[in-house]
mmCIF file of all heavy atoms, coordinates in Angstrom:
data_MODEL
# 
_entry.id   MODEL 
# 
loop_
_atom_site.group_PDB 
_atom_site.id 
_atom_site.type_symbol 
_atom_site.label_atom_id 
_atom_site.label_alt_id 
_atom_site.label_comp_id 
_atom_site.label_asym_id 
_atom_site.label_entity_id 
_atom_site.label_seq_id 
_atom_site.pdbx_PDB_ins_code 
_atom_site.Cartn_x 
_atom_site.Cartn_y 
_atom_site.Cartn_z 
_atom_site.occupancy 
_atom_site.B_iso_or_equiv 
_atom_site.pdbx_formal_charge 
_atom_site.auth_seq_id 
_atom_site.auth_comp_id 
_atom_site.auth_asym_id 
_atom_site.auth_atom_id 
_atom_site.pdbx_PDB_model_num 
ATOM 1   N N   . SER A 1 1  ? -21.547 6.841  -58.448 1.00 0.00 ? 1  SER A N   1 
ATOM 2   C CA  . SER A 1 1  ? -20.439 6.460  -59.317 1.00 0.00 ? 1  SER A CA  1 
ATOM 3   C C   . SER A 1 1  ? -19.880 7.674  -60.047 1.00 0.00 ? 1  SER A C   1 
ATOM 4   O O   . SER A 1 1  ? -18.694 7.754  -60.350 1.00 0.00 ? 1  SER A O   1 
ATOM 5   C CB  . SER A 1 1  ? -20.897 5.393  -60.320 1.00 0.00 ? 1  SER A CB  1 
ATOM 6   O OG  . SER A 1 1  ? -21.954 5.888  -61.133 1.00 0.00 ? 1  SER A OG  1 
ATOM 7   N N   . LYS A 1 2  ? -20.793 8.650  -60.361 1.00 0.00 ? 2  LYS A N   1 
ATOM 8   C CA  . LYS A 1 2  ? -20.360 9.863  -61.044 1.00 0.00 ? 2  LYS A CA  1 
ATOM 9   C C   . LYS A 1 2  ? -19.428 10.679 -60.145 1.00 0.00 ? 2  LYS A C   1 
ATOM 10  O O   . LYS A 1 2  ? -18.448 11.270 -60.591 1.00 0.00 ? 2  LYS A O   1 
ATOM 11  C CB  . LYS A 1 2  ? -21.566 10.696 -61.460 1.00 0.00 ? 2  LYS A CB  1 
ATOM 12  C CG  . LYS A 1 2  ? -22.378 10.086 -62.591 1.00 0.00 ? 2  LYS A CG  1 
ATOM 13  C CD  . LYS A 1 2  ? -23.512 11.006 -62.980 1.00 0.00 ? 2  LYS A CD  1 
ATOM 14  C CE  . LYS A 1 2  ? -24.316 10.423 -64.148 1.00 0.00 ? 2  LYS A CE  1 
ATOM 15  N NZ  . LYS A 1 2  ? -25.434 11.311 -64.553 1.00 0.00 ? 2  LYS A NZ  1 
ATOM 16  N N   . ILE A 1 3  ? -19.738 10.713 -58.836 1.00 0.00 ? 3  ILE A N   1 
ATOM 17  C CA  . ILE A 1 3  ? -18.923 11.465 -57.869 1.00 0.00 ? 3  ILE A CA  1 
ATOM 18  C C   . ILE A 1 3  ? -17.541 10.834 -57.755 1.00 0.00 ? 3  ILE A C   1 
ATOM 19  O O   . ILE A 1 3  ? -16.518 11.516 -57.760 1.00 0.00 ? 3  ILE A O   1 
ATOM 20  C CB  . ILE A 1 3  ? -19.615 11.506 -56.497 1.00 0.00 ? 3  ILE A CB  1 
ATOM 21  C CG1 . ILE A 1 3  ? -20.915 12.292 -56.601 1.00 0.00 ? 3  ILE A CG1 1 
ATOM 22  C CG2 . ILE A 1 3  ? -18.685 12.123 -55.451 1.00 0.00 ? 3  ILE A CG2 1 
ATOM 23  C CD1 . ILE A 1 3  ? -21.736 12.301 -55.329 1.00 0.00 ? 3  ILE A CD1 1 
ATOM 24  N N   . ILE A 1 4  ? -17.501 9.492  -57.660 1.00 0.00 ? 4  ILE A N   1 
ATOM 25  C CA  . ILE A 1 4  ? -16.228 8.771  -57.562 1.00 0.00 ? 4  ILE A CA  1 
ATOM 26  C C   . ILE A 1 4  ? -15.393 9.008  -58.815 1.00 0.00 ? 4  ILE A C   1 
ATOM 27  O O   . ILE A 1 4  ? -14.187 9.238  -58.757 1.00 0.00 ? 4  ILE A O   1 
ATOM 28  C CB  . ILE A 1 4  ? -16.486 7.261  -57.358 1.00 0.00 ? 4  ILE A CB  1 
ATOM 29  C CG1 . ILE A 1 4  ? -17.164 7.022  -56.007 1.00 0.00 ? 4  ILE A CG1 1 
ATOM 30  C CG2 . ILE A 1 4  ? -15.173 6.483  -57.436 1.00 0.00 ? 4  ILE A CG2 1 
ATOM 31  C CD1 . ILE A 1 4  ? -17.574 5.584  -55.778 1.00 0.00 ? 4  ILE A CD1 1 
ATOM 32  N N   . SER A 1 5  ? -16.063 8.948  -59.989 1.00 0.00 ? 5  SER A N   1 
ATOM 33  C CA  . SER A 1 5  ? -15.354 9.170  -61.246 1.00 0.00 ? 5  SER A CA  1 
ATOM 34  C C   . SER A 1 5  ? -14.786 10.588 -61.303 1.00 0.00 ? 5  SER A C   1 
ATOM 35  O O   . SER A 1 5  ? -13.662 10.804 -61.762 1.00 0.00 ? 5  SER A O   1 
ATOM 36  C CB  . SER A 1 5  ? -16.323 8.939  -62.416 1.00 0.00 ? 5  SER A CB  1 
ATOM 37  O OG  . SER A 1 5  ? -15.682 9.200  -63.640 1.00 0.00 ? 5  SER A OG  1 
ATOM 38  N N   . LYS A 1 6  ? -15.565 11.550 -60.840 1.00 0.00 ? 6  LYS A N   1 
ATOM 39  C CA  . LYS A 1 6  ? -15.108 12.945 -60.840 1.00 0.00 ? 6  LYS A CA  1 
ATOM 40  C C   . LYS A 1 6  ? -13.916 13.112 -59.920 1.00 0.00 ? 6  LYS A C   1 
ATOM 41  O O   . LYS A 1 6  ? -12.952 13.812 -60.250 1.00 0.00 ? 6  LYS A O   1 
ATOM 42  C CB  . LYS A 1 6  ? -16.262 13.843 -60.393 1.00 0.00 ? 6  LYS A CB  1 
ATOM 43  C CG  . LYS A 1 6  ? -15.934 15.330 -60.466 1.00 0.00 ? 6  LYS A CG  1 
ATOM 44  C CD  . LYS A 1 6  ? -17.142 16.158 -60.076 1.00 0.00 ? 6  LYS A CD  1 
ATOM 45  C CE  . LYS A 1 6  ? -16.792 17.659 -60.155 1.00 0.00 ? 6  LYS A CE  1 
ATOM 46  N NZ  . LYS A 1 6  ? -17.964 18.490 -59.777 1.00 0.00 ? 6  LYS A NZ  1 
ATOM 47  N N   . ASN A 1 7  ? -13.955 12.464 -58.764 1.00 0.00 ? 7  ASN A N   1 
ATOM 48  C CA  . ASN A 1 7  ? -12.844 12.547 -57.806 1.00 0.00 ? 7  ASN A CA  1 
ATOM 49  C C   . ASN A 1 7  ? -11.578 11.929 -58.394 1.00 0.00 ? 7  ASN A C   1 
ATOM 50  O O   . ASN A 1 7  ? -10.467 12.418 -58.179 1.00 0.00 ? 7  ASN A O   1 
ATOM 51  C CB  . ASN A 1 7  ? -13.210 11.836 -56.508 1.00 0.00 ? 7  ASN A CB  1 
ATOM 52  C CG  . ASN A 1 7  ? -14.242 12.629 -55.700 1.00 0.00 ? 7  ASN A CG  1 
ATOM 53  O OD1 . ASN A 1 7  ? -14.405 13.830 -55.913 1.00 0.00 ? 7  ASN A OD1 1 
ATOM 54  N ND2 . ASN A 1 7  ? -14.941 11.952 -54.798 1.00 0.00 ? 7  ASN A ND2 1 
ATOM 55  N N   . LYS A 1 8  ? -11.734 10.833 -59.136 1.00 0.00 ? 8  LYS A N   1 
ATOM 56  C CA  . LYS A 1 8  ? -10.576 10.187 -59.769 1.00 0.00 ? 8  LYS A CA  1 
ATOM 57  C C   . LYS A 1 8  ? -9.938  11.116 -60.788 1.00 0.00 ? 8  LYS A C   1 
ATOM 58  O O   . LYS A 1 8  ? -8.710  11.193 -60.914 1.00 0.00 ? 8  LYS A O   1 
ATOM 59  C CB  . LYS A 1 8  ? -10.999 8.878  -60.426 1.00 0.00 ? 8  LYS A CB  1 
ATOM 60  C CG  . LYS A 1 8  ? -11.264 7.739  -59.448 1.00 0.00 ? 8  LYS A CG  1 
ATOM 61  C CD  . LYS A 1 8  ? -11.611 6.456  -60.193 1.00 0.00 ? 8  LYS A CD  1 
ATOM 62  C CE  . LYS A 1 8  ? -11.798 5.301  -59.223 1.00 0.00 ? 8  LYS A CE  1 
ATOM 63  N NZ  . LYS A 1 8  ? -12.141 4.043  -59.940 1.00 0.00 ? 8  LYS A NZ  1 
ATOM 64  N N   . ILE A 1 9  ? -10.790 11.821 -61.532 1.00 0.00 ? 9  ILE A N   1 
ATOM 65  C CA  . ILE A 1 9  ? -10.275 12.747 -62.553 1.00 0.00 ? 9  ILE A CA  1 
ATOM 66  C C   . ILE A 1 9  ? -9.482  13.868 -61.891 1.00 0.00 ? 9  ILE A C   1 
ATOM 67  O O   . ILE A 1 9  ? -8.386  14.233 -62.333 1.00 0.00 ? 9  ILE A O   1 
ATOM 68  C CB  . ILE A 1 9  ? -11.438 13.331 -63.383 1.00 0.00 ? 9  ILE A CB  1 
ATOM 69  C CG1 . ILE A 1 9  ? -12.089 12.230 -64.229 1.00 0.00 ? 9  ILE A CG1 1 
ATOM 70  C CG2 . ILE A 1 9  ? -10.938 14.467 -64.275 1.00 0.00 ? 9  ILE A CG2 1 
ATOM 71  C CD1 . ILE A 1 9  ? -13.345 12.678 -64.942 1.00 0.00 ? 9  ILE A CD1 1 
ATOM 72  N N   . ILE A 1 10 ? -10.029 14.425 -60.796 1.00 0.00 ? 10 ILE A N   1 
ATOM 73  C CA  . ILE A 1 10 ? -9.349  15.506 -60.073 1.00 0.00 ? 10 ILE A CA  1 
ATOM 74  C C   . ILE A 1 10 ? -8.020  15.023 -59.510 1.00 0.00 ? 10 ILE A C   1 
ATOM 75  O O   . ILE A 1 10 ? -7.000  15.703 -59.601 1.00 0.00 ? 10 ILE A O   1 
ATOM 76  C CB  . ILE A 1 10 ? -10.257 16.037 -58.939 1.00 0.00 ? 10 ILE A CB  1 
ATOM 77  C CG1 . ILE A 1 10 ? -11.491 16.729 -59.542 1.00 0.00 ? 10 ILE A CG1 1 
ATOM 78  C CG2 . ILE A 1 10 ? -9.480  17.021 -58.054 1.00 0.00 ? 10 ILE A CG2 1 
ATOM 79  C CD1 . ILE A 1 10 ? -12.510 17.150 -58.497 1.00 0.00 ? 10 ILE A CD1 1 
ATOM 80  N N   . LEU A 1 11 ? -8.047  13.810 -58.919 1.00 0.00 ? 11 LEU A N   1 
ATOM 81  C CA  . LEU A 1 11 ? -6.823  13.245 -58.352 1.00 0.00 ? 11 LEU A CA  1 
ATOM 82  C C   . LEU A 1 11 ? -5.767  13.024 -59.428 1.00 0.00 ? 11 LEU A C   1 
ATOM 83  O O   . LEU A 1 11 ? -4.584  13.300 -59.229 1.00 0.00 ? 11 LEU A O   1 
ATOM 84  C CB  . LEU A 1 11 ? -7.152  11.930 -57.643 1.00 0.00 ? 11 LEU A CB  1 
ATOM 85  C CG  . LEU A 1 11 ? -5.982  11.219 -56.956 1.00 0.00 ? 11 LEU A CG  1 
ATOM 86  C CD1 . LEU A 1 11 ? -5.368  12.120 -55.887 1.00 0.00 ? 11 LEU A CD1 1 
ATOM 87  C CD2 . LEU A 1 11 ? -6.432  9.901  -56.337 1.00 0.00 ? 11 LEU A CD2 1 
ATOM 88  N N   . THR A 1 12 ? -6.216  12.530 -60.605 1.00 0.00 ? 12 THR A N   1 
ATOM 89  C CA  . THR A 1 12 ? -5.283  12.304 -61.715 1.00 0.00 ? 12 THR A CA  1 
ATOM 90  C C   . THR A 1 12 ? -4.651  13.610 -62.181 1.00 0.00 ? 12 THR A C   1 
ATOM 91  O O   . THR A 1 12 ? -3.450  13.678 -62.457 1.00 0.00 ? 12 THR A O   1 
ATOM 92  C CB  . THR A 1 12 ? -6.014  11.635 -62.889 1.00 0.00 ? 12 THR A CB  1 
ATOM 93  O OG1 . THR A 1 12 ? -6.596  10.400 -62.451 1.00 0.00 ? 12 THR A OG1 1 
ATOM 94  C CG2 . THR A 1 12 ? -5.056  11.357 -64.038 1.00 0.00 ? 12 THR A CG2 1 
ATOM 95  N N   . LEU A 1 13 ? -5.473  14.664 -62.237 1.00 0.00 ? 13 LEU A N   1 
ATOM 96  C CA  . LEU A 1 13 ? -4.970  15.979 -62.654 1.00 0.00 ? 13 LEU A CA  1 
ATOM 97  C C   . LEU A 1 13 ? -3.943  16.520 -61.651 1.00 0.00 ? 13 LEU A C   1 
ATOM 98  O O   . LEU A 1 13 ? -2.908  17.083 -62.040 1.00 0.00 ? 13 LEU A O   1 
ATOM 99  C CB  . LEU A 1 13 ? -6.126  16.965 -62.805 1.00 0.00 ? 13 LEU A CB  1 
ATOM 100 C CG  . LEU A 1 13 ? -7.048  16.758 -64.018 1.00 0.00 ? 13 LEU A CG  1 
ATOM 101 C CD1 . LEU A 1 13 ? -8.246  17.684 -63.938 1.00 0.00 ? 13 LEU A CD1 1 
ATOM 102 C CD2 . LEU A 1 13 ? -6.276  16.974 -65.313 1.00 0.00 ? 13 LEU A CD2 1 
ATOM 103 N N   . LEU A 1 14 ? -4.224  16.342 -60.367 1.00 0.00 ? 14 LEU A N   1 
ATOM 104 C CA  . LEU A 1 14 ? -3.309  16.823 -59.328 1.00 0.00 ? 14 LEU A CA  1 
ATOM 105 C C   . LEU A 1 14 ? -1.973  16.092 -59.393 1.00 0.00 ? 14 LEU A C   1 
ATOM 106 O O   . LEU A 1 14 ? -0.906  16.703 -59.259 1.00 0.00 ? 14 LEU A O   1 
ATOM 107 C CB  . LEU A 1 14 ? -3.945  16.638 -57.940 1.00 0.00 ? 14 LEU A CB  1 
ATOM 108 C CG  . LEU A 1 14 ? -5.106  17.576 -57.601 1.00 0.00 ? 14 LEU A CG  1 
ATOM 109 C CD1 . LEU A 1 14 ? -5.726  17.189 -56.259 1.00 0.00 ? 14 LEU A CD1 1 
ATOM 110 C CD2 . LEU A 1 14 ? -4.621  19.030 -57.554 1.00 0.00 ? 14 LEU A CD2 1 
ATOM 111 N N   . ILE A 1 15 ? -2.037  14.773 -59.591 1.00 0.00 ? 15 ILE A N   1 
ATOM 112 C CA  . ILE A 1 15 ? -0.802  13.985 -59.686 1.00 0.00 ? 15 ILE A CA  1 
ATOM 113 C C   . ILE A 1 15 ? 0.000   14.411 -60.907 1.00 0.00 ? 15 ILE A C   1 
ATOM 114 O O   . ILE A 1 15 ? 1.222   14.541 -60.859 1.00 0.00 ? 15 ILE A O   1 
ATOM 115 C CB  . ILE A 1 15 ? -1.129  12.479 -59.743 1.00 0.00 ? 15 ILE A CB  1 
ATOM 116 C CG1 . ILE A 1 15 ? -1.726  12.019 -58.408 1.00 0.00 ? 15 ILE A CG1 1 
ATOM 117 C CG2 . ILE A 1 15 ? 0.123   11.668 -60.071 1.00 0.00 ? 15 ILE A CG2 1 
ATOM 118 C CD1 . ILE A 1 15 ? -2.219  10.586 -58.422 1.00 0.00 ? 15 ILE A CD1 1 
ATOM 119 N N   . THR A 1 16 ? -0.692  14.651 -62.017 1.00 0.00 ? 16 THR A N   1 
ATOM 120 C CA  . THR A 1 16 ? -0.017  15.076 -63.250 1.00 0.00 ? 16 THR A CA  1 
ATOM 121 C C   . THR A 1 16 ? 0.675   16.413 -63.054 1.00 0.00 ? 16 THR A C   1 
ATOM 122 O O   . THR A 1 16 ? 1.830   16.607 -63.481 1.00 0.00 ? 16 THR A O   1 
ATOM 123 C CB  . THR A 1 16 ? -1.027  15.187 -64.404 1.00 0.00 ? 16 THR A CB  1 
ATOM 124 O OG1 . THR A 1 16 ? -1.687  13.928 -64.584 1.00 0.00 ? 16 THR A OG1 1 
ATOM 125 C CG2 . THR A 1 16 ? -0.321  15.581 -65.689 1.00 0.00 ? 16 THR A CG2 1 
ATOM 126 N N   . LEU A 1 17 ? -0.025  17.357 -62.395 1.00 0.00 ? 17 LEU A N   1 
ATOM 127 C CA  . LEU A 1 17 ? 0.561   18.671 -62.134 1.00 0.00 ? 17 LEU A CA  1 
ATOM 128 C C   . LEU A 1 17 ? 1.769   18.562 -61.221 1.00 0.00 ? 17 LEU A C   1 
ATOM 129 O O   . LEU A 1 17 ? 2.793   19.237 -61.422 1.00 0.00 ? 17 LEU A O   1 
ATOM 130 C CB  . LEU A 1 17 ? -0.494  19.592 -61.508 1.00 0.00 ? 17 LEU A CB  1 
ATOM 131 C CG  . LEU A 1 17 ? -1.594  20.095 -62.439 1.00 0.00 ? 17 LEU A CG  1 
ATOM 132 C CD1 . LEU A 1 17 ? -2.666  20.827 -61.649 1.00 0.00 ? 17 LEU A CD1 1 
ATOM 133 C CD2 . LEU A 1 17 ? -0.999  21.009 -63.512 1.00 0.00 ? 17 LEU A CD2 1 
ATOM 134 N N   . LEU A 1 18 ? 1.658   17.704 -60.214 1.00 0.00 ? 18 LEU A N   1 
ATOM 135 C CA  . LEU A 1 18 ? 2.750   17.534 -59.260 1.00 0.00 ? 18 LEU A CA  1 
ATOM 136 C C   . LEU A 1 18 ? 3.983   16.954 -59.948 1.00 0.00 ? 18 LEU A C   1 
ATOM 137 O O   . LEU A 1 18 ? 5.107   17.425 -59.731 1.00 0.00 ? 18 LEU A O   1 
ATOM 138 C CB  . LEU A 1 18 ? 2.313   16.613 -58.114 1.00 0.00 ? 18 LEU A CB  1 
ATOM 139 C CG  . LEU A 1 18 ? 3.335   16.366 -56.997 1.00 0.00 ? 18 LEU A CG  1 
ATOM 140 C CD1 . LEU A 1 18 ? 3.740   17.678 -56.335 1.00 0.00 ? 18 LEU A CD1 1 
ATOM 141 C CD2 . LEU A 1 18 ? 2.782   15.392 -55.965 1.00 0.00 ? 18 LEU A CD2 1 
ATOM 142 N N   . ILE A 1 19 ? 3.761   15.941 -60.793 1.00 0.00 ? 19 ILE A N   1 
ATOM 143 C CA  . ILE A 1 19 ? 4.882   15.308 -61.500 1.00 0.00 ? 19 ILE A CA  1 
ATOM 144 C C   . ILE A 1 19 ? 5.565   16.304 -62.426 1.00 0.00 ? 19 ILE A C   1 
ATOM 145 O O   . ILE A 1 19 ? 6.789   16.337 -62.557 1.00 0.00 ? 19 ILE A O   1 
ATOM 146 C CB  . ILE A 1 19 ? 4.386   14.074 -62.286 1.00 0.00 ? 19 ILE A CB  1 
ATOM 147 C CG1 . ILE A 1 19 ? 3.945   12.973 -61.315 1.00 0.00 ? 19 ILE A CG1 1 
ATOM 148 C CG2 . ILE A 1 19 ? 5.475   13.553 -63.226 1.00 0.00 ? 19 ILE A CG2 1 
ATOM 149 C CD1 . ILE A 1 19 ? 3.302   11.774 -61.983 1.00 0.00 ? 19 ILE A CD1 1 
ATOM 150 N N   . SER A 1 20 ? 4.783   17.142 -63.074 1.00 0.00 ? 20 SER A N   1 
ATOM 151 C CA  . SER A 1 20 ? 5.366   18.126 -63.997 1.00 0.00 ? 20 SER A CA  1 
ATOM 152 C C   . SER A 1 20 ? 6.070   19.250 -63.258 1.00 0.00 ? 20 SER A C   1 
ATOM 153 O O   . SER A 1 20 ? 6.966   19.889 -63.812 1.00 0.00 ? 20 SER A O   1 
ATOM 154 C CB  . SER A 1 20 ? 4.261   18.707 -64.891 1.00 0.00 ? 20 SER A CB  1 
ATOM 155 O OG  . SER A 1 20 ? 3.304   19.404 -64.112 1.00 0.00 ? 20 SER A OG  1 
ATOM 156 N N   . TYR A 1 21 ? 5.680   19.467 -61.994 1.00 0.00 ? 21 TYR A N   1 
ATOM 157 C CA  . TYR A 1 21 ? 6.258   20.578 -61.226 1.00 0.00 ? 21 TYR A CA  1 
ATOM 158 C C   . TYR A 1 21 ? 7.569   20.183 -60.545 1.00 0.00 ? 21 TYR A C   1 
ATOM 159 O O   . TYR A 1 21 ? 8.419   21.034 -60.282 1.00 0.00 ? 21 TYR A O   1 
ATOM 160 C CB  . TYR A 1 21 ? 5.246   21.030 -60.169 1.00 0.00 ? 21 TYR A CB  1 
ATOM 161 C CG  . TYR A 1 21 ? 5.600   22.340 -59.508 1.00 0.00 ? 21 TYR A CG  1 
ATOM 162 C CD1 . TYR A 1 21 ? 5.773   23.504 -60.256 1.00 0.00 ? 21 TYR A CD1 1 
ATOM 163 C CD2 . TYR A 1 21 ? 5.760   22.408 -58.124 1.00 0.00 ? 21 TYR A CD2 1 
ATOM 164 C CE1 . TYR A 1 21 ? 6.090   24.702 -59.646 1.00 0.00 ? 21 TYR A CE1 1 
ATOM 165 C CE2 . TYR A 1 21 ? 6.082   23.600 -57.515 1.00 0.00 ? 21 TYR A CE2 1 
ATOM 166 C CZ  . TYR A 1 21 ? 6.236   24.751 -58.276 1.00 0.00 ? 21 TYR A CZ  1 
ATOM 167 O OH  . TYR A 1 21 ? 6.552   25.926 -57.679 1.00 0.00 ? 21 TYR A OH  1 
ATOM 168 N N   . ILE A 1 22 ? 7.740   18.884 -60.279 1.00 0.00 ? 22 ILE A N   1 
ATOM 169 C CA  . ILE A 1 22 ? 8.943   18.415 -59.584 1.00 0.00 ? 22 ILE A CA  1 
ATOM 170 C C   . ILE A 1 22 ? 10.230  18.779 -60.322 1.00 0.00 ? 22 ILE A C   1 
ATOM 171 O O   . ILE A 1 22 ? 11.178  19.280 -59.717 1.00 0.00 ? 22 ILE A O   1 
ATOM 172 C CB  . ILE A 1 22 ? 8.858   16.895 -59.324 1.00 0.00 ? 22 ILE A CB  1 
ATOM 173 C CG1 . ILE A 1 22 ? 7.844   16.613 -58.206 1.00 0.00 ? 22 ILE A CG1 1 
ATOM 174 C CG2 . ILE A 1 22 ? 10.232  16.333 -58.936 1.00 0.00 ? 22 ILE A CG2 1 
ATOM 175 C CD1 . ILE A 1 22 ? 7.603   15.142 -57.944 1.00 0.00 ? 22 ILE A CD1 1 
ATOM 176 N N   . PRO A 1 23 ? 10.321  18.550 -61.652 1.00 0.00 ? 23 PRO A N   1 
ATOM 177 C CA  . PRO A 1 23 ? 11.564  18.935 -62.351 1.00 0.00 ? 23 PRO A CA  1 
ATOM 178 C C   . PRO A 1 23 ? 11.887  20.420 -62.227 1.00 0.00 ? 23 PRO A C   1 
ATOM 179 O O   . PRO A 1 23 ? 13.046  20.809 -62.178 1.00 0.00 ? 23 PRO A O   1 
ATOM 180 C CB  . PRO A 1 23 ? 11.268  18.549 -63.811 1.00 0.00 ? 23 PRO A CB  1 
ATOM 181 C CG  . PRO A 1 23 ? 10.233  17.486 -63.721 1.00 0.00 ? 23 PRO A CG  1 
ATOM 182 C CD  . PRO A 1 23 ? 9.373   17.870 -62.559 1.00 0.00 ? 23 PRO A CD  1 
ATOM 183 N N   . ILE A 1 24 ? 10.837  21.255 -62.197 1.00 0.00 ? 24 ILE A N   1 
ATOM 184 C CA  . ILE A 1 24 ? 11.051  22.696 -62.056 1.00 0.00 ? 24 ILE A CA  1 
ATOM 185 C C   . ILE A 1 24 ? 11.664  23.008 -60.700 1.00 0.00 ? 24 ILE A C   1 
ATOM 186 O O   . ILE A 1 24 ? 12.597  23.812 -60.580 1.00 0.00 ? 24 ILE A O   1 
ATOM 187 C CB  . ILE A 1 24 ? 9.717   23.458 -62.222 1.00 0.00 ? 24 ILE A CB  1 
ATOM 188 C CG1 . ILE A 1 24 ? 9.159   23.228 -63.627 1.00 0.00 ? 24 ILE A CG1 1 
ATOM 189 C CG2 . ILE A 1 24 ? 9.907   24.950 -61.960 1.00 0.00 ? 24 ILE A CG2 1 
ATOM 190 C CD1 . ILE A 1 24 ? 7.791   23.841 -63.856 1.00 0.00 ? 24 ILE A CD1 1 
# 
């Protein structure tokens, strides 16, 4: 469960970075 939770956090961070990069 810790691995799945860690993967979710990484995925969330990547999506956040992507969304912030699109306007640029």
